[in-house]
PDB file of all heavy atoms in Angstrom:
ATOM      1  N   GLU A   1      43.554  -6.446  19.188  1.00  0.00           N
ATOM      2  CA  GLU A   1      42.758  -7.178  20.171  1.00  0.00           C
ATOM      3  C   GLU A   1      42.693  -6.409  21.487  1.00  0.00           C
ATOM      4  O   GLU A   1      43.611  -5.651  21.825  1.00  0.00           O
ATOM      5  CB  GLU A   1      43.354  -8.572  20.450  1.00  0.00           C
ATOM      6  CG  GLU A   1      43.443  -9.486  19.253  1.00  0.00           C
ATOM      7  CD  GLU A   1      44.840  -9.606  18.717  1.00  0.00           C
ATOM      8  OE1 GLU A   1      45.624  -8.653  18.885  1.00  0.00           O
ATOM      9  OE2 GLU A   1      45.181 -10.656  18.128  1.00  0.00           O
ATOM     10  N   SER A   2      41.644  -6.646  22.224  1.00  0.00           N
ATOM     11  CA  SER A   2      41.490  -6.089  23.561  1.00  0.00           C
ATOM     12  C   SER A   2      40.593  -7.004  24.373  1.00  0.00           C
ATOM     13  O   SER A   2      39.925  -7.884  23.822  1.00  0.00           O
ATOM     14  CB  SER A   2      40.918  -4.677  23.502  1.00  0.00           C
ATOM     15  OG  SER A   2      39.639  -4.681  22.892  1.00  0.00           O
ATOM     16  N   GLY A   3      40.591  -6.776  25.681  1.00  0.00           N
ATOM     17  CA  GLY A   3      39.678  -7.511  26.550  1.00  0.00           C
ATOM     18  C   GLY A   3      40.311  -8.620  27.361  1.00  0.00           C
ATOM     19  O   GLY A   3      39.639  -9.238  28.195  1.00  0.00           O
ATOM     20  N   GLY A   4      41.576  -8.889  27.134  1.00  0.00           N
ATOM     21  CA  GLY A   4      42.248  -9.908  27.932  1.00  0.00           C
ATOM     22  C   GLY A   4      42.484  -9.424  29.352  1.00  0.00           C
ATOM     23  O   GLY A   4      42.224  -8.266  29.680  1.00  0.00           O
ATOM     24  N   GLY A   5      42.975 -10.324  30.180  1.00  0.00           N
ATOM     25  CA  GLY A   5      43.265  -9.940  31.556  1.00  0.00           C
ATOM     26  C   GLY A   5      43.348 -11.142  32.457  1.00  0.00           C
ATOM     27  O   GLY A   5      43.414 -12.286  32.004  1.00  0.00           O
ATOM     28  N   LEU A   6      43.343 -10.863  33.755  1.00  0.00           N
ATOM     29  CA  LEU A   6      43.406 -11.892  34.785  1.00  0.00           C
ATOM     30  C   LEU A   6      42.005 -12.104  35.353  1.00  0.00           C
ATOM     31  O   LEU A   6      41.341 -11.134  35.743  1.00  0.00           O
ATOM     32  CB  LEU A   6      44.365 -11.454  35.889  1.00  0.00           C
ATOM     33  CG  LEU A   6      44.455 -12.341  37.132  1.00  0.00           C
ATOM     34  CD1 LEU A   6      44.999 -13.723  36.758  1.00  0.00           C
ATOM     35  CD2 LEU A   6      45.316 -11.681  38.188  1.00  0.00           C
ATOM     36  N   VAL A   7      41.591 -13.349  35.394  1.00  0.00           N
ATOM     37  CA  VAL A   7      40.258 -13.671  35.902  1.00  0.00           C
ATOM     38  C   VAL A   7      40.333 -14.965  36.694  1.00  0.00           C
ATOM     39  O   VAL A   7      41.176 -15.815  36.421  1.00  0.00           O
ATOM     40  CB  VAL A   7      39.243 -13.783  34.736  1.00  0.00           C
ATOM     41  CG1 VAL A   7      39.612 -14.934  33.804  1.00  0.00           C
ATOM     42  CG2 VAL A   7      37.830 -13.913  35.227  1.00  0.00           C
ATOM     43  N   GLN A   8      39.468 -15.099  37.668  1.00  0.00           N
ATOM     44  CA  GLN A   8      39.424 -16.334  38.451  1.00  0.00           C
ATOM     45  C   GLN A   8      38.687 -17.425  37.683  1.00  0.00           C
ATOM     46  O   GLN A   8      37.830 -17.134  36.835  1.00  0.00           O
ATOM     47  CB  GLN A   8      38.734 -16.088  39.787  1.00  0.00           C
ATOM     48  CG  GLN A   8      39.547 -15.261  40.764  1.00  0.00           C
ATOM     49  CD  GLN A   8      38.930 -15.221  42.145  1.00  0.00           C
ATOM     50  OE1 GLN A   8      37.722 -15.336  42.295  1.00  0.00           O
ATOM     51  NE2 GLN A   8      39.768 -15.071  43.150  1.00  0.00           N
ATOM     52  N   ALA A   9      39.020 -18.641  37.987  1.00  0.00           N
ATOM     53  CA  ALA A   9      38.330 -19.775  37.378  1.00  0.00           C
ATOM     54  C   ALA A   9      36.826 -19.634  37.601  1.00  0.00           C
ATOM     55  O   ALA A   9      36.379 -19.262  38.691  1.00  0.00           O
ATOM     56  CB  ALA A   9      38.837 -21.077  37.968  1.00  0.00           C
ATOM     57  N   GLY A  10      36.073 -19.912  36.544  1.00  0.00           N
ATOM     58  CA  GLY A  10      34.636 -19.756  36.600  1.00  0.00           C
ATOM     59  C   GLY A  10      34.151 -18.403  36.112  1.00  0.00           C
ATOM     60  O   GLY A  10      32.952 -18.207  35.899  1.00  0.00           O
ATOM     61  N   GLY A  11      35.071 -17.487  35.915  1.00  0.00           N
ATOM     62  CA  GLY A  11      34.718 -16.149  35.467  1.00  0.00           C
ATOM     63  C   GLY A  11      34.548 -16.060  33.960  1.00  0.00           C
ATOM     64  O   GLY A  11      34.606 -17.071  33.240  1.00  0.00           O
ATOM     65  N   SER A  12      34.333 -14.836  33.505  1.00  0.00           N
ATOM     66  CA  SER A  12      34.078 -14.601  32.084  1.00  0.00           C
ATOM     67  C   SER A  12      34.937 -13.461  31.569  1.00  0.00           C
ATOM     68  O   SER A  12      35.339 -12.573  32.327  1.00  0.00           O
ATOM     69  CB  SER A  12      32.603 -14.236  31.871  1.00  0.00           C
ATOM     70  OG  SER A  12      31.747 -15.282  32.252  1.00  0.00           O
ATOM     71  N   LEU A  13      35.193 -13.502  30.275  1.00  0.00           N
ATOM     72  CA  LEU A  13      35.873 -12.410  29.584  1.00  0.00           C
ATOM     73  C   LEU A  13      35.279 -12.279  28.193  1.00  0.00           C
ATOM     74  O   LEU A  13      34.806 -13.268  27.618  1.00  0.00           O
ATOM     75  CB  LEU A  13      37.374 -12.683  29.446  1.00  0.00           C
ATOM     76  CG  LEU A  13      38.288 -12.458  30.643  1.00  0.00           C
ATOM     77  CD1 LEU A  13      39.705 -12.901  30.300  1.00  0.00           C
ATOM     78  CD2 LEU A  13      38.283 -11.007  31.080  1.00  0.00           C
ATOM     79  N   ARG A  14      35.320 -11.081  27.678  1.00  0.00           N
ATOM     80  CA  ARG A  14      34.907 -10.846  26.294  1.00  0.00           C
ATOM     81  C   ARG A  14      36.067 -10.207  25.555  1.00  0.00           C
ATOM     82  O   ARG A  14      36.487  -9.097  25.878  1.00  0.00           O
ATOM     83  CB  ARG A  14      33.687  -9.931  26.223  1.00  0.00           C
ATOM     84  CG  ARG A  14      33.134  -9.754  24.799  1.00  0.00           C
ATOM     85  CD  ARG A  14      31.911  -8.882  24.816  1.00  0.00           C
ATOM     86  NE  ARG A  14      31.202  -8.859  23.548  1.00  0.00           N
ATOM     87  CZ  ARG A  14      31.013  -7.759  22.826  1.00  0.00           C
ATOM     88  NH1 ARG A  14      31.493  -6.598  23.249  1.00  0.00           N
ATOM     89  NH2 ARG A  14      30.340  -7.819  21.682  1.00  0.00           N
ATOM     90  N   LEU A  15      36.588 -10.932  24.579  1.00  0.00           N
ATOM     91  CA  LEU A  15      37.663 -10.417  23.757  1.00  0.00           C
ATOM     92  C   LEU A  15      37.087  -9.720  22.535  1.00  0.00           C
ATOM     93  O   LEU A  15      36.088 -10.163  21.970  1.00  0.00           O
ATOM     94  CB  LEU A  15      38.590 -11.547  23.313  1.00  0.00           C
ATOM     95  CG  LEU A  15      39.189 -12.424  24.404  1.00  0.00           C
ATOM     96  CD1 LEU A  15      40.136 -13.442  23.797  1.00  0.00           C
ATOM     97  CD2 LEU A  15      39.878 -11.593  25.470  1.00  0.00           C
ATOM     98  N   SER A  16      37.749  -8.648  22.146  1.00  0.00           N
ATOM     99  CA  SER A  16      37.341  -7.903  20.955  1.00  0.00           C
ATOM    100  C   SER A  16      38.529  -7.759  20.025  1.00  0.00           C
ATOM    101  O   SER A  16      39.684  -7.689  20.460  1.00  0.00           O
ATOM    102  CB  SER A  16      36.840  -6.518  21.339  1.00  0.00           C
ATOM    103  OG  SER A  16      35.724  -6.594  22.197  1.00  0.00           O
ATOM    104  N   CYS A  17      38.235  -7.716  18.754  1.00  0.00           N
ATOM    105  CA  CYS A  17      39.273  -7.500  17.747  1.00  0.00           C
ATOM    106  C   CYS A  17      38.713  -6.537  16.710  1.00  0.00           C
ATOM    107  O   CYS A  17      37.674  -6.813  16.098  1.00  0.00           O
ATOM    108  CB  CYS A  17      39.673  -8.809  17.095  1.00  0.00           C
ATOM    109  SG  CYS A  17      40.808  -8.630  15.688  1.00  0.00           S
ATOM    110  N   ALA A  18      39.406  -5.433  16.529  1.00  0.00           N
ATOM    111  CA  ALA A  18      38.987  -4.429  15.558  1.00  0.00           C
ATOM    112  C   ALA A  18      39.978  -4.402  14.403  1.00  0.00           C
ATOM    113  O   ALA A  18      41.190  -4.303  14.622  1.00  0.00           O
ATOM    114  CB  ALA A  18      38.907  -3.068  16.221  1.00  0.00           C
ATOM    115  N   ALA A  19      39.455  -4.480  13.206  1.00  0.00           N
ATOM    116  CA  ALA A  19      40.296  -4.469  12.012  1.00  0.00           C
ATOM    117  C   ALA A  19      40.243  -3.116  11.328  1.00  0.00           C
ATOM    118  O   ALA A  19      39.243  -2.397  11.403  1.00  0.00           O
ATOM    119  CB  ALA A  19      39.840  -5.552  11.039  1.00  0.00           C
ATOM    120  N   SER A  20      41.313  -2.775  10.659  1.00  0.00           N
ATOM    121  CA  SER A  20      41.350  -1.580   9.826  1.00  0.00           C
ATOM    122  C   SER A  20      42.129  -1.891   8.561  1.00  0.00           C
ATOM    123  O   SER A  20      42.942  -2.815   8.526  1.00  0.00           O
ATOM    124  CB  SER A  20      41.980  -0.407  10.572  1.00  0.00           C
ATOM    125  OG  SER A  20      43.308  -0.714  10.945  1.00  0.00           O
ATOM    126  N   GLY A  21      41.826  -1.129   7.516  1.00  0.00           N
ATOM    127  CA  GLY A  21      42.542  -1.316   6.257  1.00  0.00           C
ATOM    128  C   GLY A  21      42.069  -2.488   5.436  1.00  0.00           C
ATOM    129  O   GLY A  21      42.740  -2.899   4.481  1.00  0.00           O
ATOM    130  N   ILE A  22      40.891  -3.029   5.772  1.00  0.00           N
ATOM    131  CA  ILE A  22      40.396  -4.208   5.068  1.00  0.00           C
ATOM    132  C   ILE A  22      38.881  -4.272   5.204  1.00  0.00           C
ATOM    133  O   ILE A  22      38.345  -3.835   6.222  1.00  0.00           O
ATOM    134  CB  ILE A  22      41.053  -5.489   5.633  1.00  0.00           C
ATOM    135  CG1 ILE A  22      40.750  -6.707   4.766  1.00  0.00           C
ATOM    136  CG2 ILE A  22      40.642  -5.725   7.080  1.00  0.00           C
ATOM    137  CD1 ILE A  22      41.578  -7.941   5.132  1.00  0.00           C
ATOM    138  N   ILE A  23      38.229  -4.769   4.178  1.00  0.00           N
ATOM    139  CA  ILE A  23      36.786  -5.017   4.244  1.00  0.00           C
ATOM    140  C   ILE A  23      36.589  -6.472   4.647  1.00  0.00           C
ATOM    141  O   ILE A  23      37.124  -7.379   4.008  1.00  0.00           O
ATOM    142  CB  ILE A  23      36.121  -4.730   2.882  1.00  0.00           C
ATOM    143  CG1 ILE A  23      36.289  -3.254   2.522  1.00  0.00           C
ATOM    144  CG2 ILE A  23      34.644  -5.113   2.908  1.00  0.00           C
ATOM    145  CD1 ILE A  23      35.820  -2.897   1.129  1.00  0.00           C
ATOM    146  N   VAL A  24      35.840  -6.707   5.717  1.00  0.00           N
ATOM    147  CA  VAL A  24      35.821  -8.043   6.310  1.00  0.00           C
ATOM    148  C   VAL A  24      34.596  -8.876   5.953  1.00  0.00           C
ATOM    149  O   VAL A  24      34.568 -10.076   6.253  1.00  0.00           O
ATOM    150  CB  VAL A  24      35.933  -7.958   7.852  1.00  0.00           C
ATOM    151  CG1 VAL A  24      37.196  -7.198   8.242  1.00  0.00           C
ATOM    152  CG2 VAL A  24      34.690  -7.316   8.462  1.00  0.00           C
ATOM    153  N   ARG A  25      33.569  -8.278   5.325  1.00  0.00           N
ATOM    154  CA  ARG A  25      32.287  -8.977   5.247  1.00  0.00           C
ATOM    155  C   ARG A  25      32.355 -10.294   4.478  1.00  0.00           C
ATOM    156  O   ARG A  25      31.523 -11.176   4.697  1.00  0.00           O
ATOM    157  CB  ARG A  25      31.214  -8.079   4.659  1.00  0.00           C
ATOM    158  CG  ARG A  25      31.416  -7.685   3.220  1.00  0.00           C
ATOM    159  CD  ARG A  25      30.240  -6.861   2.723  1.00  0.00           C
ATOM    160  NE  ARG A  25      30.384  -6.502   1.325  1.00  0.00           N
ATOM    161  CZ  ARG A  25      31.020  -5.430   0.898  1.00  0.00           C
ATOM    162  NH1 ARG A  25      31.562  -4.607   1.782  1.00  0.00           N
ATOM    163  NH2 ARG A  25      31.102  -5.167  -0.389  1.00  0.00           N
ATOM    164  N   THR A  26      33.323 -10.465   3.584  1.00  0.00           N
ATOM    165  CA  THR A  26      33.412 -11.716   2.821  1.00  0.00           C
ATOM    166  C   THR A  26      34.461 -12.668   3.377  1.00  0.00           C
ATOM    167  O   THR A  26      34.692 -13.739   2.801  1.00  0.00           O
ATOM    168  CB  THR A  26      33.749 -11.433   1.348  1.00  0.00           C
ATOM    169  OG1 THR A  26      35.037 -10.812   1.291  1.00  0.00           O
ATOM    170  CG2 THR A  26      32.704 -10.543   0.704  1.00  0.00           C
ATOM    171  N   LEU A  27      35.061 -12.309   4.488  1.00  0.00           N
ATOM    172  CA  LEU A  27      36.192 -13.061   5.017  1.00  0.00           C
ATOM    173  C   LEU A  27      35.812 -13.843   6.271  1.00  0.00           C
ATOM    174  O   LEU A  27      34.854 -13.510   6.957  1.00  0.00           O
ATOM    175  CB  LEU A  27      37.343 -12.109   5.334  1.00  0.00           C
ATOM    176  CG  LEU A  27      37.822 -11.238   4.173  1.00  0.00           C
ATOM    177  CD1 LEU A  27      38.909 -10.288   4.642  1.00  0.00           C
ATOM    178  CD2 LEU A  27      38.302 -12.092   3.014  1.00  0.00           C
ATOM    179  N   THR A  28      36.597 -14.861   6.555  1.00  0.00           N
ATOM    180  CA  THR A  28      36.451 -15.625   7.798  1.00  0.00           C
ATOM    181  C   THR A  28      37.282 -14.969   8.889  1.00  0.00           C
ATOM    182  O   THR A  28      38.424 -14.571   8.653  1.00  0.00           O
ATOM    183  CB  THR A  28      36.897 -17.078   7.588  1.00  0.00           C
ATOM    184  OG1 THR A  28      36.013 -17.715   6.659  1.00  0.00           O
ATOM    185  CG2 THR A  28      36.871 -17.850   8.895  1.00  0.00           C
ATOM    186  N   MET A  29      36.685 -14.848  10.051  1.00  0.00           N
ATOM    187  CA  MET A  29      37.356 -14.249  11.195  1.00  0.00           C
ATOM    188  C   MET A  29      37.435 -15.287  12.303  1.00  0.00           C
ATOM    189  O   MET A  29      36.516 -16.122  12.439  1.00  0.00           O
ATOM    190  CB  MET A  29      36.596 -13.008  11.669  1.00  0.00           C
ATOM    191  CG  MET A  29      36.318 -12.022  10.541  1.00  0.00           C
ATOM    192  SD  MET A  29      35.344 -10.598  11.057  1.00  0.00           S
ATOM    193  CE  MET A  29      36.616  -9.601  11.836  1.00  0.00           C
ATOM    194  N   GLY A  30      38.503 -15.230  13.069  1.00  0.00           N
ATOM    195  CA  GLY A  30      38.634 -16.260  14.091  1.00  0.00           C
ATOM    196  C   GLY A  30      39.538 -15.856  15.224  1.00  0.00           C
ATOM    197  O   GLY A  30      40.189 -14.805  15.196  1.00  0.00           O
ATOM    198  N   TRP A  31      39.523 -16.706  16.239  1.00  0.00           N
ATOM    199  CA  TRP A  31      40.380 -16.554  17.403  1.00  0.00           C
ATOM    200  C   TRP A  31      41.221 -17.813  17.569  1.00  0.00           C
ATOM    201  O   TRP A  31      40.687 -18.931  17.486  1.00  0.00           O
ATOM    202  CB  TRP A  31      39.545 -16.324  18.660  1.00  0.00           C
ATOM    203  CG  TRP A  31      38.903 -14.988  18.711  1.00  0.00           C
ATOM    204  CD1 TRP A  31      37.645 -14.654  18.308  1.00  0.00           C
ATOM    205  CD2 TRP A  31      39.504 -13.777  19.206  1.00  0.00           C
ATOM    206  NE1 TRP A  31      37.424 -13.321  18.505  1.00  0.00           N
ATOM    207  CE2 TRP A  31      38.541 -12.753  19.066  1.00  0.00           C
ATOM    208  CE3 TRP A  31      40.740 -13.459  19.767  1.00  0.00           C
ATOM    209  CZ2 TRP A  31      38.777 -11.435  19.447  1.00  0.00           C
ATOM    210  CZ3 TRP A  31      40.974 -12.160  20.138  1.00  0.00           C
ATOM    211  CH2 TRP A  31      40.013 -11.169  19.984  1.00  0.00           C
ATOM    212  N   TYR A  32      42.497 -17.609  17.801  1.00  0.00           N
ATOM    213  CA  TYR A  32      43.425 -18.683  18.111  1.00  0.00           C
ATOM    214  C   TYR A  32      44.047 -18.386  19.468  1.00  0.00           C
ATOM    215  O   TYR A  32      43.980 -17.258  19.966  1.00  0.00           O
ATOM    216  CB  TYR A  32      44.528 -18.765  17.047  1.00  0.00           C
ATOM    217  CG  TYR A  32      44.081 -19.322  15.727  1.00  0.00           C
ATOM    218  CD1 TYR A  32      43.250 -18.589  14.895  1.00  0.00           C
ATOM    219  CD2 TYR A  32      44.487 -20.575  15.296  1.00  0.00           C
ATOM    220  CE1 TYR A  32      42.830 -19.091  13.671  1.00  0.00           C
ATOM    221  CE2 TYR A  32      44.083 -21.093  14.071  1.00  0.00           C
ATOM    222  CZ  TYR A  32      43.262 -20.341  13.262  1.00  0.00           C
ATOM    223  OH  TYR A  32      42.848 -20.853  12.051  1.00  0.00           O
ATOM    224  N   ARG A  33      44.681 -19.395  20.033  1.00  0.00           N
ATOM    225  CA  ARG A  33      45.400 -19.164  21.287  1.00  0.00           C
ATOM    226  C   ARG A  33      46.668 -20.003  21.310  1.00  0.00           C
ATOM    227  O   ARG A  33      46.758 -21.039  20.659  1.00  0.00           O
ATOM    228  CB  ARG A  33      44.521 -19.484  22.493  1.00  0.00           C
ATOM    229  CG  ARG A  33      44.168 -20.958  22.661  1.00  0.00           C
ATOM    230  CD  ARG A  33      43.180 -21.112  23.816  1.00  0.00           C
ATOM    231  NE  ARG A  33      42.831 -22.525  24.028  1.00  0.00           N
ATOM    232  CZ  ARG A  33      41.890 -22.924  24.884  1.00  0.00           C
ATOM    233  NH1 ARG A  33      41.208 -22.027  25.608  1.00  0.00           N
ATOM    234  NH2 ARG A  33      41.640 -24.219  25.035  1.00  0.00           N
ATOM    235  N   GLN A  34      47.607 -19.499  22.080  1.00  0.00           N
ATOM    236  CA  GLN A  34      48.875 -20.208  22.231  1.00  0.00           C
ATOM    237  C   GLN A  34      49.307 -20.127  23.685  1.00  0.00           C
ATOM    238  O   GLN A  34      49.549 -19.032  24.206  1.00  0.00           O
ATOM    239  CB  GLN A  34      49.948 -19.624  21.320  1.00  0.00           C
ATOM    240  CG  GLN A  34      51.228 -20.434  21.301  1.00  0.00           C
ATOM    241  CD  GLN A  34      52.153 -20.050  20.173  1.00  0.00           C
ATOM    242  OE1 GLN A  34      52.055 -18.969  19.592  1.00  0.00           O
ATOM    243  NE2 GLN A  34      53.075 -20.940  19.823  1.00  0.00           N
ATOM    244  N   ALA A  35      49.374 -21.281  24.309  1.00  0.00           N
ATOM    245  CA  ALA A  35      49.856 -21.383  25.682  1.00  0.00           C
ATOM    246  C   ALA A  35      51.358 -21.627  25.660  1.00  0.00           C
ATOM    247  O   ALA A  35      51.899 -22.125  24.660  1.00  0.00           O
ATOM    248  CB  ALA A  35      49.136 -22.516  26.395  1.00  0.00           C
ATOM    249  N   PRO A  36      52.047 -21.305  26.745  1.00  0.00           N
ATOM    250  CA  PRO A  36      53.496 -21.509  26.794  1.00  0.00           C
ATOM    251  C   PRO A  36      53.876 -22.958  26.483  1.00  0.00           C
ATOM    252  O   PRO A  36      53.310 -23.895  27.051  1.00  0.00           O
ATOM    253  CB  PRO A  36      53.856 -21.135  28.227  1.00  0.00           C
ATOM    254  CG  PRO A  36      52.803 -20.179  28.636  1.00  0.00           C
ATOM    255  CD  PRO A  36      51.546 -20.648  27.962  1.00  0.00           C
ATOM    256  N   GLY A  37      54.804 -23.134  25.561  1.00  0.00           N
ATOM    257  CA  GLY A  37      55.273 -24.465  25.218  1.00  0.00           C
ATOM    258  C   GLY A  37      54.357 -25.262  24.330  1.00  0.00           C
ATOM    259  O   GLY A  37      54.616 -26.443  24.057  1.00  0.00           O
ATOM    260  N   LYS A  38      53.273 -24.642  23.867  1.00  0.00           N
ATOM    261  CA  LYS A  38      52.312 -25.351  23.025  1.00  0.00           C
ATOM    262  C   LYS A  38      52.166 -24.652  21.682  1.00  0.00           C
ATOM    263  O   LYS A  38      52.513 -23.495  21.519  1.00  0.00           O
ATOM    264  CB  LYS A  38      50.958 -25.454  23.729  1.00  0.00           C
ATOM    265  CG  LYS A  38      50.982 -26.287  24.991  1.00  0.00           C
ATOM    266  CD  LYS A  38      49.581 -26.524  25.528  1.00  0.00           C
ATOM    267  CE  LYS A  38      49.596 -27.437  26.732  1.00  0.00           C
ATOM    268  NZ  LYS A  38      48.227 -27.701  27.246  1.00  0.00           N
ATOM    269  N   GLN A  39      51.617 -25.384  20.725  1.00  0.00           N
ATOM    270  CA  GLN A  39      51.356 -24.806  19.409  1.00  0.00           C
ATOM    271  C   GLN A  39      50.123 -23.927  19.448  1.00  0.00           C
ATOM    272  O   GLN A  39      49.219 -24.112  20.277  1.00  0.00           O
ATOM    273  CB  GLN A  39      51.166 -25.929  18.386  1.00  0.00           C
ATOM    274  CG  GLN A  39      52.441 -26.683  18.052  1.00  0.00           C
ATOM    275  CD  GLN A  39      52.262 -27.632  16.887  1.00  0.00           C
ATOM    276  OE1 GLN A  39      51.155 -28.111  16.632  1.00  0.00           O
ATOM    277  NE2 GLN A  39      53.336 -27.889  16.166  1.00  0.00           N
TER     278      GLN A  39
END
């Protein structure tokens, strides 16, 4: 993954994820997040 960082409220970010060692066209891809103390 790349593209994370510090941004002010109201701003924008674009996260990227590059895979290797796998063919992805038939697979589901997704983003998850985990905040401190949360699932």
